[in-house]
Amino acid sequence: MPTVELILEALRPVQDPELHRSLVELNMIRNVKLDGANLAFTLVLTTPACPLKEMIVAECKAAVQSLVSSVDITVTAETPQQKDLPGRQGVPGVKNILAVSSGKGGVGKSTVAVNLAVSLAQQGALVGLLDADIYGPNVPPMLGLQGMRAPANRTPEGDILEPLYNYGVKMVSMAFLIDADQAVVWRGPMLNGMVRNFLYQTSWGTLDYLIVDMPPGTGDVQLTLAQAVPIAGALIVTTPQTVALLDARKGLRMFQQLGVPVMGFVENMSYFSPPDHPDQRYYIFGEGGTAKAAQELNIPVLGQIPLEIPVREGGDSGIPVTIGSPKSLTAQAFHNLAQKVAGLISVAALN
């Protein structure tokens, strides 16, 4: 008859395909139970958005099939905590912070941040979204939260902001604190204070990922965030055209100078596919520019997001394309991007 020790030895050669380490050594095999020749155990993945879940389960079953007659595997996930960095204070309850940035405006950075957050939530993660564009907070209408106000709770430590919630995502934004047409006319120190309030004076609860939608450029907010909290990584959103890539390079260099790991480029508006001819691609903003820049800078391209009508419709209606058109090319591209990003964050946290 098999024993728990024999089962664990049989499973030891099975590796996490991204970490390249044994599942047993990583403590991803838990609660092993034997009832005669019937085996049950829990497989704890490093992210709910693991793209290789089915493959790992199949390898586990194959590893023990000669020892037992049946295998019941319960799959769950525990997202690892990003490592602390000297001089930077983590946000209580938040495991990983991801910056979504761009060198210039108009490349669809907020669209990427919103749909990335929703995609991670759809795959089972606990997700928050911080709209750090204080001057131009555009995230609330994209999440169907336009015109809403975020309540605050008075505590001895000060007012604690309650994030609003939609589509599985908790969110805070300057738009929740001001009138719709009110302009924010602030200097750098006030921006610094508001970003810190959004980080530390918000009741985020437990989050696997906090996505920060950065303002365009390389200014005060980027500097504040990079110096305040340990950031798991940054995504640089660009379009294929030369002007956008010139600014994207500057944004990338800024994060590198600040000691923030850059995970890769996200090429937005890569191509247009007309709804009546979905197999055709029109490269409106050029083709191959991001791939060339990525090769020169030794940075991967993590996703190419097409330009489709449902993206614009979703942004205007407050129903992200990942919710309103889940079978579209764009929604699938965001789904794949979420899986890649989650995997990279887990690798960084565990290595």
Protein backbone atom coordinates (compact mmCIF):
# COMPACT_ATOMS: atom_id res chain seq x y z
CA MET A 1 0.00 0.00 0.00
CA PRO A 2 1.26 3.52 -0.75
CA THR A 3 2.24 5.92 2.03
CA VAL A 4 2.23 9.67 2.21
CA GLU A 5 6.03 9.62 2.01
CA LEU A 6 5.95 7.55 -1.18
CA ILE A 7 3.37 9.90 -2.71
CA LEU A 8 5.49 12.97 -1.96
CA GLU A 9 8.59 11.30 -3.41
CA ALA A 10 6.66 10.46 -6.57
CA LEU A 11 5.50 14.07 -6.85
CA ARG A 12 8.92 15.59 -6.13
CA PRO A 13 10.08 15.60 -9.79
CA VAL A 14 6.98 17.59 -10.84
CA GLN A 15 8.02 21.24 -11.17
CA ASP A 16 6.26 24.55 -11.37
CA PRO A 17 6.82 25.37 -15.07
CA GLU A 18 7.54 29.05 -14.38
CA LEU A 19 9.61 28.71 -11.20
CA HIS A 20 11.39 25.51 -12.35
CA ARG A 21 11.33 24.17 -8.82
CA SER A 22 9.70 21.10 -7.30
CA LEU A 23 6.07 21.47 -6.21
CA VAL A 24 6.92 19.54 -3.06
CA GLU A 25 9.86 21.80 -2.20
CA LEU A 26 7.67 24.86 -2.80
CA ASN A 27 5.02 23.47 -0.40
CA MET A 28 2.46 23.50 -3.20
CA ILE A 29 1.34 19.92 -2.37
CA ARG A 30 -0.67 19.92 0.86
CA ASN A 31 -3.25 17.94 2.82
CA VAL A 32 -2.21 14.59 1.37
CA LYS A 33 -4.76 11.95 2.37
CA LEU A 34 -4.83 8.24 1.57
CA ASP A 35 -7.82 5.98 1.86
CA GLY A 36 -6.43 2.64 0.78
CA ALA A 37 -5.44 3.19 -2.85
CA ASN A 38 -7.48 6.39 -3.16
CA LEU A 39 -5.44 9.59 -3.01
CA ALA A 40 -6.56 13.16 -2.36
CA PHE A 41 -4.46 16.28 -1.95
CA THR A 42 -4.52 20.04 -2.43
CA LEU A 43 -2.47 21.73 -5.14
CA VAL A 44 -1.71 25.32 -4.10
CA LEU A 45 -0.75 27.44 -7.12
CA THR A 46 1.09 30.75 -6.84
CA THR A 47 -1.68 32.69 -8.59
CA PRO A 48 -5.35 32.12 -9.41
CA ALA A 49 -4.50 33.27 -12.94
CA CYS A 50 -2.06 30.42 -13.60
CA PRO A 51 -2.24 29.64 -17.34
CA LEU A 52 -0.73 26.16 -16.92
CA LYS A 53 -3.05 24.83 -14.24
CA GLU A 54 -4.39 21.94 -16.35
CA MET A 55 -0.87 20.88 -17.35
CA ILE A 56 0.34 20.84 -13.73
CA VAL A 57 -2.68 18.80 -12.62
CA ALA A 58 -2.07 16.30 -15.45
CA GLU A 59 1.60 15.92 -14.51
CA CYS A 60 0.68 15.33 -10.87
CA LYS A 61 -1.79 12.61 -11.81
CA ALA A 62 0.73 10.96 -14.12
CA ALA A 63 3.39 10.97 -11.38
CA VAL A 64 1.27 8.93 -8.93
CA GLN A 65 -0.83 6.81 -11.28
CA SER A 66 1.27 3.69 -10.65
CA LEU A 67 0.81 3.99 -6.87
CA VAL A 68 -2.93 4.61 -6.51
CA SER A 69 -6.17 3.73 -8.25
CA SER A 70 -7.79 7.19 -8.04
CA VAL A 71 -6.59 10.79 -7.56
CA ASP A 72 -8.69 13.72 -6.35
CA ILE A 73 -6.84 17.04 -6.63
CA THR A 74 -8.30 20.22 -5.15
CA VAL A 75 -6.74 23.27 -6.82
CA THR A 76 -6.43 26.54 -4.96
CA ALA A 77 -4.01 29.47 -4.97
CA GLU A 78 -1.97 31.60 -2.59
CA THR A 79 -0.38 34.61 -4.24
CA PRO A 80 3.10 35.16 -2.74
CA GLN A 81 3.97 38.39 -1.00
CA GLN A 82 6.38 40.73 -2.78
CA LYS A 83 9.64 41.17 -0.87
CA ASP A 84 10.09 44.34 1.17
CA LEU A 85 12.69 46.87 0.06
CA PRO A 86 14.80 49.09 2.34
CA GLY A 87 13.21 52.46 2.98
CA ARG A 88 9.89 51.54 1.35
CA GLN A 89 6.73 50.78 3.29
CA GLY A 90 4.31 48.18 2.00
CA VAL A 91 0.55 48.66 2.12
CA PRO A 92 -1.01 46.47 4.84
CA GLY A 93 -2.90 43.53 3.32
CA VAL A 94 -1.61 44.19 -0.20
CA LYS A 95 0.68 41.45 -1.48
CA ASN A 96 1.86 42.95 -4.77
CA ILE A 97 1.78 46.42 -6.34
CA LEU A 98 1.94 46.77 -10.11
CA ALA A 99 2.42 50.10 -11.89
CA VAL A 100 0.82 50.59 -15.31
CA SER A 101 2.59 53.52 -16.92
CA SER A 102 3.21 55.24 -20.24
CA GLY A 103 5.62 57.83 -21.53
CA LYS A 104 2.81 59.91 -23.07
CA GLY A 105 -0.94 60.29 -22.90
CA GLY A 106 -3.42 58.90 -25.38
CA VAL A 107 -1.94 55.41 -25.72
CA GLY A 108 -4.73 53.70 -23.76
CA LYS A 109 -2.93 53.23 -20.46
CA SER A 110 -6.09 53.50 -18.35
CA THR A 111 -7.89 51.08 -20.66
CA VAL A 112 -5.09 48.58 -20.13
CA ALA A 113 -5.08 49.11 -16.35
CA VAL A 114 -8.86 48.67 -16.04
CA ASN A 115 -9.09 45.56 -18.19
CA LEU A 116 -5.98 44.01 -16.65
CA ALA A 117 -7.52 44.47 -13.19
CA VAL A 118 -10.86 43.02 -14.29
CA SER A 119 -9.15 40.07 -16.01
CA LEU A 120 -7.21 39.20 -12.87
CA ALA A 121 -10.41 39.41 -10.82
CA GLN A 122 -12.25 37.20 -13.32
CA GLN A 123 -9.58 34.55 -12.80
CA GLY A 124 -10.08 34.54 -9.04
CA ALA A 125 -7.62 37.11 -7.71
CA LEU A 126 -8.36 39.80 -5.13
CA VAL A 127 -7.67 43.03 -6.99
CA GLY A 128 -7.54 46.74 -6.26
CA LEU A 129 -7.09 49.63 -8.69
CA LEU A 130 -5.61 52.97 -7.66
CA ASP A 131 -6.24 55.80 -10.10
CA ALA A 132 -3.08 57.84 -9.52
CA ASP A 133 -3.77 60.32 -12.32
CA ILE A 134 -4.76 63.12 -9.96
CA TYR A 135 -5.16 65.77 -12.67
CA GLY A 136 -7.11 63.60 -15.10
CA PRO A 137 -8.84 60.73 -13.27
CA ASN A 138 -10.53 58.71 -16.02
CA VAL A 139 -10.85 55.28 -14.44
CA PRO A 140 -14.26 55.67 -12.68
CA PRO A 141 -16.35 56.02 -15.88
CA MET A 142 -14.54 53.04 -17.38
CA LEU A 143 -15.55 50.93 -14.38
CA GLY A 144 -19.14 52.18 -14.31
CA LEU A 145 -18.53 54.32 -11.22
CA GLN A 146 -18.87 57.80 -12.69
CA GLY A 147 -20.39 60.39 -10.36
CA MET A 148 -19.93 58.21 -7.27
CA ARG A 149 -18.47 59.37 -3.97
CA ALA A 150 -16.19 57.27 -1.79
CA PRO A 151 -17.18 57.30 1.90
CA ALA A 152 -14.60 57.93 4.62
CA ASN A 153 -14.53 56.51 8.14
CA ARG A 154 -13.15 58.62 10.98
CA THR A 155 -10.54 56.86 13.11
CA PRO A 156 -7.94 58.00 15.67
CA GLU A 157 -5.37 57.71 12.86
CA GLY A 158 -7.40 59.99 10.59
CA ASP A 159 -10.02 59.52 7.88
CA ILE A 160 -9.87 56.13 6.15
CA LEU A 161 -11.24 56.07 2.61
CA GLU A 162 -13.51 53.21 1.60
CA PRO A 163 -12.84 52.07 -1.98
CA LEU A 164 -15.77 51.59 -4.32
CA TYR A 165 -16.30 48.20 -5.93
CA ASN A 166 -17.39 46.94 -9.33
CA TYR A 167 -16.64 43.94 -11.56
CA GLY A 168 -14.61 42.33 -8.77
CA VAL A 169 -12.28 45.32 -8.40
CA LYS A 170 -11.87 47.74 -5.48
CA MET A 171 -11.03 51.24 -6.66
CA VAL A 172 -10.14 54.72 -5.42
CA SER A 173 -9.78 57.86 -7.50
CA MET A 174 -9.53 61.60 -7.13
CA ALA A 175 -12.78 61.68 -9.11
CA PHE A 176 -14.57 60.31 -6.02
CA LEU A 177 -13.55 63.38 -4.01
CA ILE A 178 -14.26 66.29 -6.38
CA ASP A 179 -17.04 67.52 -8.64
CA ALA A 180 -17.13 66.25 -12.22
CA ASP A 181 -15.96 69.53 -13.80
CA GLN A 182 -13.62 70.58 -11.01
CA ALA A 183 -9.99 71.10 -12.00
CA VAL A 184 -7.22 69.98 -9.66
CA VAL A 185 -4.63 72.77 -9.51
CA TRP A 186 -1.95 71.41 -7.21
CA ARG A 187 1.79 71.53 -6.90
CA GLY A 188 3.99 68.49 -6.33
CA PRO A 189 3.81 68.22 -2.52
CA MET A 190 0.01 68.05 -2.59
CA LEU A 191 0.13 65.32 -5.25
CA ASN A 192 2.59 63.46 -3.04
CA GLY A 193 0.25 63.66 -0.07
CA MET A 194 -2.80 62.47 -2.00
CA VAL A 195 -0.99 59.48 -3.49
CA ARG A 196 0.16 58.48 -0.01
CA ASN A 197 -3.38 58.87 1.29
CA PHE A 198 -4.66 56.58 -1.45
CA LEU A 199 -2.00 54.02 -0.52
CA TYR A 200 -2.02 54.12 3.27
CA GLN A 201 -5.31 55.81 4.26
CA THR A 202 -7.57 53.52 2.24
CA SER A 203 -9.28 50.41 3.55
CA TRP A 204 -7.95 48.04 0.89
CA GLY A 205 -8.38 44.88 2.93
CA THR A 206 -6.58 41.83 1.55
CA LEU A 207 -5.44 42.10 -2.06
CA ASP A 208 -3.36 39.83 -4.26
CA TYR A 209 -2.67 42.70 -6.64
CA LEU A 210 -2.98 46.47 -6.42
CA ILE A 211 -2.86 47.93 -9.93
CA VAL A 212 -1.77 51.58 -10.04
CA ASP A 213 -2.88 53.53 -13.11
CA MET A 214 -0.13 56.12 -13.34
CA PRO A 215 -0.40 59.53 -14.98
CA PRO A 216 1.50 59.84 -18.25
CA GLY A 217 5.08 61.02 -18.22
CA THR A 218 7.86 60.96 -15.63
CA GLY A 219 6.75 63.35 -12.90
CA ASP A 220 6.01 63.68 -9.20
CA VAL A 221 3.50 60.82 -8.88
CA GLN A 222 5.89 58.29 -10.41
CA LEU A 223 8.67 59.44 -8.11
CA THR A 224 6.43 59.33 -5.03
CA LEU A 225 5.15 55.84 -5.75
CA ALA A 226 8.58 54.39 -6.56
CA GLN A 227 10.08 55.82 -3.37
CA ALA A 228 7.14 55.01 -1.07
CA VAL A 229 6.26 51.35 -1.71
CA PRO A 230 7.95 48.19 -2.96
CA ILE A 231 6.67 47.79 -6.52
CA ALA A 232 6.57 44.27 -7.92
CA GLY A 233 6.99 45.62 -11.43
CA ALA A 234 5.96 48.17 -14.02
CA LEU A 235 4.23 47.74 -17.37
CA ILE A 236 5.01 50.28 -20.08
CA VAL A 237 2.00 50.87 -22.34
CA THR A 238 2.71 52.18 -25.83
CA THR A 239 1.41 52.15 -29.37
CA PRO A 240 3.55 51.00 -32.31
CA GLN A 241 4.16 54.48 -33.66
CA THR A 242 7.58 56.10 -33.35
CA VAL A 243 6.51 59.12 -31.27
CA ALA A 244 4.86 56.93 -28.63
CA LEU A 245 7.88 54.63 -28.46
CA LEU A 246 10.26 57.54 -27.96
CA ASP A 247 8.37 58.53 -24.83
CA ALA A 248 7.90 54.91 -23.74
CA ARG A 249 11.69 54.51 -23.66
CA LYS A 250 11.96 57.50 -21.31
CA GLY A 251 9.35 56.02 -19.00
CA LEU A 252 11.18 52.72 -18.97
CA ARG A 253 14.50 54.37 -18.13
CA MET A 254 12.86 56.33 -15.31
CA PHE A 255 11.71 53.15 -13.56
CA GLN A 256 15.10 51.54 -14.04
CA GLN A 257 16.80 54.56 -12.48
CA LEU A 258 14.42 54.33 -9.52
CA GLY A 259 15.14 50.63 -9.01
CA VAL A 260 11.70 49.43 -10.15
CA PRO A 261 11.76 46.26 -12.29
CA VAL A 262 10.14 46.74 -15.69
CA MET A 263 8.21 43.61 -16.64
CA GLY A 264 7.73 44.55 -20.26
CA PHE A 265 5.89 46.50 -22.91
CA VAL A 266 2.17 46.28 -23.62
CA GLU A 267 1.50 47.33 -27.20
CA ASN A 268 -1.97 48.84 -27.32
CA MET A 269 -3.88 49.51 -30.54
CA SER A 270 -1.57 47.05 -32.28
CA TYR A 271 -3.92 46.59 -35.20
CA PHE A 272 -7.51 47.14 -36.21
CA SER A 273 -9.81 44.24 -37.09
CA PRO A 274 -13.14 45.33 -38.63
CA PRO A 275 -16.16 43.55 -37.16
CA ASP A 276 -17.32 42.33 -40.58
CA HIS A 277 -13.87 40.92 -41.40
CA PRO A 278 -12.35 39.82 -38.06
CA ASP A 279 -9.55 37.87 -39.77
CA GLN A 280 -8.14 41.01 -41.39
CA ARG A 281 -5.62 43.22 -39.64
CA TYR A 282 -4.89 46.86 -40.45
CA TYR A 283 -1.77 48.25 -38.76
CA ILE A 284 -2.98 51.82 -38.42
CA PHE A 285 -0.16 52.98 -36.14
CA GLY A 286 2.60 50.97 -37.80
CA GLU A 287 3.91 47.46 -37.30
CA GLY A 288 6.93 46.04 -35.52
CA GLY A 289 8.04 49.18 -33.73
CA THR A 290 7.46 47.89 -30.21
CA ALA A 291 9.10 44.55 -30.96
CA LYS A 292 12.18 46.33 -32.31
CA ALA A 293 12.41 48.61 -29.25
CA ALA A 294 11.93 45.64 -26.93
CA GLN A 295 14.75 43.76 -28.59
CA GLU A 296 17.09 46.76 -28.33
CA LEU A 297 16.24 47.29 -24.67
CA ASN A 298 16.10 43.59 -23.76
CA ILE A 299 12.53 43.98 -22.48
CA PRO A 300 9.75 41.56 -23.53
CA VAL A 301 6.51 42.49 -25.23
CA LEU A 302 3.93 40.95 -22.90
CA GLY A 303 0.85 41.65 -24.97
CA GLN A 304 -0.46 43.12 -28.19
CA ILE A 305 -3.92 44.56 -27.68
CA PRO A 306 -5.98 45.04 -30.86
CA LEU A 307 -8.10 48.07 -31.60
CA GLU A 308 -11.75 47.01 -31.72
CA ILE A 309 -15.00 48.94 -31.53
CA PRO A 310 -16.12 47.18 -28.29
CA VAL A 311 -13.08 48.67 -26.51
CA ARG A 312 -14.29 52.21 -27.12
CA GLU A 313 -17.90 51.24 -26.42
CA GLY A 314 -16.91 49.59 -23.15
CA GLY A 315 -14.90 52.60 -22.00
CA ASP A 316 -17.79 54.96 -22.71
CA SER A 317 -20.52 52.77 -21.23
CA GLY A 318 -18.65 51.74 -18.09
CA ILE A 319 -18.64 48.07 -19.08
CA PRO A 320 -15.03 47.01 -19.80
CA VAL A 321 -14.50 44.93 -22.93
CA THR A 322 -13.45 41.99 -20.74
CA ILE A 323 -16.96 42.06 -19.27
CA GLY A 324 -19.09 43.25 -22.19
CA SER A 325 -17.41 41.29 -25.01
CA PRO A 326 -15.57 38.40 -23.31
CA LYS A 327 -15.14 36.46 -26.56
CA SER A 328 -13.59 39.35 -28.48
CA LEU A 329 -9.96 39.38 -29.60
CA THR A 330 -9.27 42.23 -27.19
CA ALA A 331 -10.76 40.46 -24.17
CA GLN A 332 -8.70 37.36 -24.93
CA ALA A 333 -5.58 39.48 -25.27
CA PHE A 334 -6.21 41.01 -21.84
CA HIS A 335 -6.89 37.55 -20.39
CA ASN A 336 -3.53 36.32 -21.67
CA LEU A 337 -1.78 39.46 -20.46
CA ALA A 338 -3.20 38.96 -16.95
CA GLN A 339 -1.88 35.40 -16.84
CA LYS A 340 1.60 36.48 -17.96
CA VAL A 341 1.76 39.32 -15.46
CA ALA A 342 0.56 37.14 -12.58
CA GLY A 343 3.17 34.53 -13.44
CA LEU A 344 5.98 37.08 -13.57
CA ILE A 345 4.98 38.56 -10.22
CA SER A 346 4.99 35.09 -8.61
CA VAL A 347 8.41 34.29 -10.06
CA ALA A 348 9.83 37.57 -8.77
CA ALA A 349 8.36 37.06 -5.29
CA LEU A 350 9.59 33.48 -4.89
CA ASN A 351 13.06 33.82 -6.39
